[in-house]
Amino acid sequence: MRRVQKGRLLVTALFTLSGFVGGISLGFYLWRETTQVSPAVISVPAVADTAPKLARAQRRLTAFQQMEQEVIALIAHRSFHAALELLMQAELVVLHTEAEVAQLSQLLDETVKRRVDQLMALQKFGEVDALYESLTLAMPERAEYYLLLAEFRIEMDNPEAALPVLAQIENHHRLGGKARELIALLSTTDDESPLEVIPLERSGDQFLIQATVDDFIEVTLLIDTGASMTILAPGVLRRLGYSLNGPTVNFSTANGVVRAPLVSISSFSLGSQRIAPMRIGALGLTRARGRVDGLLGMDFLSQFEFALDQDAQLLNLLSTLSDQGSSD
């Protein structure tokens, strides 16, 4: 009986010891697994959260803004050639709004100027010519680059190459007048003297010229190549004895279309160049600065090949275009 009880006690002690050792082993295993796995589990969400934020930040920049930042960075590093190439590509692919077109134009003009200055300092004149020509080919609607190319060729003493460039913009609504002036000057050979060289007076962004009416009264006129007919103030015509009760015609003015008398004067002269007789409009200028007696229009100027030298402030009457002495 005692042996049986001792056996039971021994079995119970062994089971208790086994459970204690097993518990310690399981606890150690769980502790080791936790310390090894948890850092990896914690680090994954941090990476996953960062990627969408970066993507969203990049999507906020439009294609134009990305291009603009690249161009500004290239300019800052004086990589003007690379900046120009990027700008010329941008005009074809990333422009969507008027604001972007205006900003591109400003960036382009600034980069062209810096690139030309860079090439001129290096005396790479052929590359300057090639740059301007490439701009006219890539952007034919930008007439200012034709004018810059022509002016550069004139400066480089190559007027023959400038003439065909100017011919492409001589009818441009804004730069055509300047192109025609340069064509007229370049078309005059060195052994030809102008018929008349008349001094001008600057008035703001316009020019005043002295003329003579009926070989008697000197008048001050504003040159207006956009006006089809010369006009004189009614007071000047009355002093010369002309009646203003004749037929009237429409004139386009800054205040709209108005009707005014048409008067045939005996003669009109710039220097020694004279048209007799000549029809003019009897109309005053309401917005003229200082004493201005009228406008010199194309009815007189179209009788001559002429050029306005704005720098020297001269009107060059180069030759007559008609043998007729009247503007009728």
Protein backbone atom coordinates (compact mmCIF):
# COMPACT_ATOMS: atom_id res chain seq x y z
CA MET A 1 0.00 0.00 0.00
CA ARG A 2 2.76 2.40 0.88
CA ARG A 3 4.56 1.54 -2.35
CA VAL A 4 1.46 2.42 -4.36
CA GLN A 5 1.11 5.80 -2.65
CA LYS A 6 4.80 6.56 -3.20
CA GLY A 7 4.39 5.72 -6.90
CA ARG A 8 1.44 8.06 -7.23
CA LEU A 9 3.32 10.87 -5.54
CA LEU A 10 6.26 10.36 -7.88
CA VAL A 11 4.04 10.49 -10.99
CA THR A 12 2.30 13.64 -9.72
CA ALA A 13 5.65 15.34 -9.10
CA LEU A 14 6.89 14.44 -12.58
CA PHE A 15 3.73 15.87 -14.24
CA THR A 16 4.02 19.05 -12.21
CA LEU A 17 7.70 19.48 -13.15
CA SER A 18 6.96 18.83 -16.83
CA GLY A 19 4.20 21.46 -16.85
CA PHE A 20 6.46 24.01 -15.22
CA VAL A 21 9.28 23.43 -17.73
CA GLY A 22 6.81 23.48 -20.66
CA GLY A 23 5.34 26.76 -19.49
CA ILE A 24 8.75 28.37 -19.29
CA SER A 25 9.67 27.06 -22.77
CA LEU A 26 6.41 28.35 -24.32
CA GLY A 27 6.82 31.76 -22.74
CA PHE A 28 10.40 32.05 -24.01
CA TYR A 29 9.29 31.06 -27.51
CA LEU A 30 6.52 33.62 -27.59
CA TRP A 31 8.84 36.35 -26.31
CA ARG A 32 11.46 35.57 -28.95
CA GLU A 33 8.90 35.58 -31.82
CA THR A 34 7.47 38.91 -30.67
CA THR A 35 10.84 40.67 -30.54
CA GLN A 36 11.79 39.42 -34.03
CA VAL A 37 8.51 40.07 -35.94
CA SER A 38 7.12 43.28 -34.47
CA PRO A 39 9.70 45.73 -35.89
CA ALA A 40 9.02 44.53 -39.45
CA VAL A 41 5.28 44.71 -38.93
CA ILE A 42 5.53 48.32 -37.65
CA SER A 43 7.79 49.58 -40.44
CA VAL A 44 5.55 48.59 -43.39
CA PRO A 45 2.71 51.10 -42.85
CA ALA A 46 5.18 54.01 -42.63
CA VAL A 47 6.49 53.29 -46.15
CA ALA A 48 3.00 52.70 -47.52
CA ASP A 49 1.78 56.08 -46.23
CA THR A 50 4.68 58.06 -47.75
CA ALA A 51 4.33 56.95 -51.39
CA PRO A 52 0.80 58.31 -52.01
CA LYS A 53 1.76 61.66 -50.47
CA LEU A 54 4.71 62.02 -52.85
CA ALA A 55 2.58 61.05 -55.81
CA ARG A 56 -0.10 63.57 -54.86
CA ALA A 57 2.52 66.35 -54.51
CA GLN A 58 3.90 65.58 -57.97
CA ARG A 59 0.43 65.55 -59.55
CA ARG A 60 -0.19 69.11 -58.31
CA LEU A 61 2.32 70.47 -60.92
CA THR A 62 0.94 70.79 -64.45
CA ALA A 63 3.04 69.85 -67.45
CA PHE A 64 3.61 73.56 -68.14
CA GLN A 65 4.73 74.26 -64.55
CA GLN A 66 7.17 71.36 -64.67
CA MET A 67 8.59 72.70 -67.94
CA GLU A 68 8.77 76.22 -66.51
CA GLN A 69 10.76 75.01 -63.49
CA GLU A 70 13.18 73.14 -65.76
CA VAL A 71 13.70 76.22 -67.96
CA ILE A 72 14.34 78.50 -64.97
CA ALA A 73 16.86 75.99 -63.61
CA LEU A 74 18.64 75.84 -67.01
CA ILE A 75 18.76 79.64 -67.23
CA ALA A 76 20.21 79.81 -63.73
CA HIS A 77 23.00 77.49 -64.91
CA ARG A 78 23.47 79.60 -68.10
CA SER A 79 22.38 76.64 -70.23
CA PHE A 80 20.49 78.94 -72.58
CA HIS A 81 20.69 76.66 -75.61
CA ALA A 82 19.04 73.78 -73.73
CA ALA A 83 16.43 76.16 -72.29
CA LEU A 84 15.54 77.38 -75.81
CA GLU A 85 15.10 73.85 -77.11
CA LEU A 86 12.76 73.04 -74.22
CA LEU A 87 10.74 76.22 -74.76
CA MET A 88 10.31 75.59 -78.48
CA GLN A 89 9.05 72.07 -77.75
CA ALA A 90 6.75 73.38 -75.01
CA GLU A 91 4.90 75.63 -77.44
CA LEU A 92 3.77 72.53 -79.31
CA VAL A 93 2.76 70.23 -76.45
CA VAL A 94 1.93 71.85 -73.09
CA LEU A 95 0.16 75.18 -73.76
CA HIS A 96 -3.50 75.23 -72.76
CA THR A 97 -4.35 78.73 -71.50
CA GLU A 98 -3.69 82.35 -72.53
CA ALA A 99 -1.71 82.83 -69.32
CA GLU A 100 0.61 79.98 -70.30
CA VAL A 101 1.06 81.44 -73.80
CA ALA A 102 1.97 84.84 -72.33
CA GLN A 103 4.38 83.30 -69.81
CA LEU A 104 6.03 81.19 -72.51
CA SER A 105 6.47 84.28 -74.72
CA GLN A 106 8.13 86.16 -71.88
CA LEU A 107 10.44 83.25 -71.05
CA LEU A 108 11.29 82.79 -74.73
CA ASP A 109 12.16 86.45 -75.33
CA GLU A 110 14.33 86.59 -72.21
CA THR A 111 16.14 83.35 -73.05
CA VAL A 112 16.75 84.41 -76.68
CA LYS A 113 18.25 87.71 -75.50
CA ARG A 114 20.54 85.97 -73.01
CA ARG A 115 21.64 83.39 -75.59
CA VAL A 116 22.39 86.07 -78.19
CA ASP A 117 24.37 88.10 -75.65
CA GLN A 118 26.30 84.95 -74.76
CA LEU A 119 27.12 84.17 -78.40
CA MET A 120 28.02 87.77 -79.21
CA ALA A 121 30.47 87.86 -76.28
CA LEU A 122 32.09 84.74 -77.77
CA GLN A 123 32.02 86.37 -81.26
CA LYS A 124 30.03 83.43 -82.62
CA PHE A 125 28.14 85.58 -85.10
CA GLY A 126 27.21 82.70 -87.39
CA GLU A 127 25.44 80.97 -84.51
CA VAL A 128 23.48 84.13 -83.75
CA ASP A 129 22.25 84.23 -87.36
CA ALA A 130 21.39 80.53 -87.24
CA LEU A 131 19.49 81.01 -83.96
CA TYR A 132 17.31 83.81 -85.31
CA GLU A 133 16.66 81.89 -88.53
CA SER A 134 15.65 78.75 -86.62
CA LEU A 135 13.17 80.83 -84.61
CA THR A 136 11.56 82.22 -87.79
CA LEU A 137 11.20 78.69 -89.18
CA ALA A 138 9.82 77.21 -85.96
CA MET A 139 7.49 80.13 -85.16
CA PRO A 140 6.57 81.96 -88.41
CA GLU A 141 3.80 83.81 -86.59
CA ARG A 142 6.38 85.66 -84.45
CA ALA A 143 7.23 88.55 -86.82
CA GLU A 144 9.61 90.10 -84.30
CA TYR A 145 12.14 87.32 -84.93
CA TYR A 146 12.14 88.11 -88.67
CA LEU A 147 12.89 91.73 -87.82
CA LEU A 148 15.66 90.77 -85.39
CA LEU A 149 17.21 88.49 -88.01
CA ALA A 150 17.09 91.21 -90.68
CA GLU A 151 18.53 93.86 -88.36
CA PHE A 152 21.33 91.50 -87.32
CA ARG A 153 22.24 90.81 -90.95
CA ILE A 154 22.28 94.54 -91.67
CA GLU A 155 24.54 95.03 -88.65
CA MET A 156 26.80 92.28 -89.99
CA ASP A 157 27.01 94.18 -93.31
CA ASN A 158 24.93 91.62 -95.18
CA PRO A 159 21.94 93.66 -96.44
CA GLU A 160 21.31 91.36 -99.42
CA ALA A 161 20.42 88.54 -97.01
CA ALA A 162 18.21 90.86 -94.96
CA LEU A 163 15.93 91.89 -97.86
CA PRO A 164 14.12 88.54 -98.38
CA VAL A 165 13.55 88.26 -94.62
CA LEU A 166 11.98 91.73 -94.49
CA ALA A 167 9.82 90.96 -97.51
CA GLN A 168 8.06 88.23 -95.52
CA ILE A 169 6.74 90.71 -92.93
CA GLU A 170 6.32 93.92 -94.96
CA ASN A 171 2.52 93.59 -94.69
CA HIS A 172 2.47 92.67 -91.00
CA HIS A 173 -0.13 94.71 -89.10
CA ARG A 174 2.35 95.86 -86.44
CA LEU A 175 5.87 95.55 -87.84
CA GLY A 176 5.18 95.98 -91.55
CA GLY A 177 5.91 99.72 -91.46
CA LYS A 178 9.35 99.18 -89.98
CA ALA A 179 10.06 96.41 -92.49
CA ARG A 180 9.10 98.65 -95.42
CA GLU A 181 11.34 101.45 -94.10
CA LEU A 182 14.32 99.09 -93.98
CA ILE A 183 13.53 97.70 -97.44
CA ALA A 184 13.43 101.23 -98.86
CA LEU A 185 16.75 102.13 -97.25
CA LEU A 186 18.43 98.92 -98.39
CA SER A 187 17.08 99.32 -101.92
CA THR A 188 18.81 102.69 -102.29
CA THR A 189 22.30 102.23 -103.68
CA ASP A 190 25.22 104.30 -102.43
CA ASP A 191 25.40 106.39 -105.63
CA GLU A 192 21.74 107.40 -105.38
CA SER A 193 20.85 110.55 -103.47
CA PRO A 194 17.36 111.04 -102.02
CA LEU A 195 15.14 113.56 -103.74
CA GLU A 196 14.54 115.23 -100.40
CA VAL A 197 15.64 114.79 -96.80
CA ILE A 198 13.26 116.51 -94.39
CA PRO A 199 13.90 116.86 -90.65
CA LEU A 200 11.27 115.59 -88.24
CA GLU A 201 10.32 116.50 -84.70
CA ARG A 202 9.38 113.75 -82.25
CA SER A 203 6.08 114.06 -80.39
CA GLY A 204 5.67 111.11 -78.05
CA ASP A 205 5.80 108.03 -80.27
CA GLN A 206 4.93 110.03 -83.42
CA PHE A 207 6.67 112.57 -85.66
CA LEU A 208 5.85 116.10 -86.79
CA ILE A 209 6.88 117.59 -90.14
CA GLN A 210 6.77 121.07 -91.70
CA ALA A 211 4.86 121.51 -94.99
CA THR A 212 3.87 124.47 -97.16
CA VAL A 213 0.36 125.09 -98.49
CA ASP A 214 -0.14 127.13 -101.67
CA ASP A 215 3.51 128.23 -101.49
CA PHE A 216 2.36 130.63 -98.78
CA ILE A 217 1.56 129.19 -95.33
CA GLU A 218 3.79 126.79 -93.40
CA VAL A 219 1.92 124.20 -91.37
CA THR A 220 2.93 121.58 -88.80
CA LEU A 221 1.55 118.13 -89.58
CA LEU A 222 1.52 114.83 -87.76
CA ILE A 223 2.79 112.00 -89.99
CA ASP A 224 0.17 109.24 -90.17
CA THR A 225 0.93 106.42 -92.62
CA GLY A 226 -2.40 104.86 -91.67
CA ALA A 227 -4.36 107.86 -92.99
CA SER A 228 -5.38 107.68 -96.64
CA MET A 229 -5.84 111.47 -96.99
CA THR A 230 -4.02 114.56 -95.72
CA ILE A 231 -6.15 116.85 -93.56
CA LEU A 232 -5.81 120.49 -92.52
CA ALA A 233 -7.57 122.42 -89.77
CA PRO A 234 -10.53 124.45 -91.10
CA GLY A 235 -8.98 127.67 -89.72
CA VAL A 236 -5.89 127.27 -91.93
CA LEU A 237 -8.04 126.84 -95.03
CA ARG A 238 -10.19 129.84 -94.20
CA ARG A 239 -7.03 131.98 -93.86
CA LEU A 240 -6.15 130.96 -97.40
CA GLY A 241 -9.61 131.97 -98.63
CA TYR A 242 -11.11 128.53 -99.24
CA SER A 243 -14.82 127.86 -98.82
CA LEU A 244 -15.81 124.93 -96.59
CA ASN A 245 -19.33 124.66 -98.05
CA GLY A 246 -18.42 122.10 -100.69
CA PRO A 247 -19.01 118.33 -100.74
CA THR A 248 -18.27 116.30 -97.61
CA VAL A 249 -16.82 112.82 -97.16
CA ASN A 250 -16.48 110.38 -94.27
CA PHE A 251 -13.29 110.33 -92.18
CA SER A 252 -12.39 107.74 -89.56
CA THR A 253 -11.15 109.41 -86.38
CA ALA A 254 -10.44 108.44 -82.78
CA ASN A 255 -14.00 109.57 -81.99
CA GLY A 256 -15.54 107.51 -84.77
CA VAL A 257 -16.58 108.29 -88.35
CA VAL A 258 -17.26 111.97 -89.05
CA ARG A 259 -18.15 113.92 -92.19
CA ALA A 260 -15.98 116.85 -93.23
CA PRO A 261 -15.58 119.09 -96.31
CA LEU A 262 -13.28 118.08 -99.14
CA VAL A 263 -11.19 121.00 -100.45
CA SER A 264 -8.94 121.23 -103.52
CA ILE A 265 -5.91 123.38 -102.65
CA SER A 266 -3.59 124.93 -105.23
CA SER A 267 -0.43 123.17 -104.05
CA PHE A 268 1.12 121.19 -101.24
CA SER A 269 4.90 120.93 -100.69
CA LEU A 270 7.40 119.05 -98.54
CA GLY A 271 10.73 120.73 -99.14
CA SER A 272 11.10 121.08 -102.90
CA GLN A 273 8.68 118.22 -103.65
CA ARG A 274 5.35 119.65 -104.68
CA ILE A 275 1.93 118.33 -105.71
CA ALA A 276 -0.43 120.73 -107.47
CA PRO A 277 -3.36 120.72 -107.11
CA MET A 278 -4.21 118.41 -104.22
CA ARG A 279 -7.44 117.46 -102.48
CA ILE A 280 -7.46 117.42 -98.68
CA GLY A 281 -9.97 117.12 -95.86
CA ALA A 282 -10.97 120.10 -93.72
CA LEU A 283 -10.84 118.57 -90.26
CA GLY A 284 -9.28 119.55 -86.94
CA LEU A 285 -7.42 117.23 -84.56
CA THR A 286 -9.09 117.02 -81.17
CA ARG A 287 -6.30 115.14 -79.37
CA ALA A 288 -3.20 116.72 -80.85
CA ARG A 289 -0.37 117.76 -78.54
CA GLY A 290 0.74 121.38 -78.89
CA ARG A 291 0.23 123.21 -82.19
CA VAL A 292 -0.62 120.72 -84.90
CA ASP A 293 -2.40 121.91 -88.05
CA GLY A 294 -3.34 118.52 -89.47
CA LEU A 295 -2.17 115.11 -90.67
CA LEU A 296 0.18 114.15 -93.50
CA GLY A 297 -1.42 111.11 -95.10
CA MET A 298 -0.59 108.56 -97.75
CA ASP A 299 -2.17 110.59 -100.60
CA PHE A 300 1.07 112.62 -100.64
CA LEU A 301 3.54 109.98 -99.41
CA SER A 302 2.33 107.33 -101.86
CA GLN A 303 3.64 109.47 -104.72
CA PHE A 304 7.19 108.67 -103.55
CA GLU A 305 9.38 105.84 -102.45
CA PHE A 306 10.08 107.00 -98.91
CA ALA A 307 11.68 105.93 -95.66
CA LEU A 308 11.27 107.18 -92.10
CA ASP A 309 14.61 107.15 -90.28
CA GLN A 310 13.37 107.21 -86.71
CA ASP A 311 16.83 107.23 -85.13
CA ALA A 312 18.04 110.21 -87.18
CA GLN A 313 14.52 111.75 -87.16
CA LEU A 314 14.43 112.24 -90.94
CA LEU A 315 11.93 111.62 -93.73
CA ASN A 316 13.75 110.49 -96.88
CA LEU A 317 11.85 110.98 -100.14
CA LEU A 318 13.90 108.64 -102.28
CA SER A 319 12.25 108.80 -105.70
CA THR A 320 8.93 109.51 -107.35
CA LEU A 321 6.63 106.60 -108.16
CA SER A 322 4.53 108.50 -110.71
CA ASP A 323 5.10 111.12 -113.37
CA GLN A 324 1.74 112.69 -112.58
CA GLY A 325 1.90 115.95 -110.70
CA SER A 326 -1.61 115.71 -109.22
CA SER A 327 -3.20 113.47 -106.64
CA ASP A 328 -6.56 113.50 -108.50
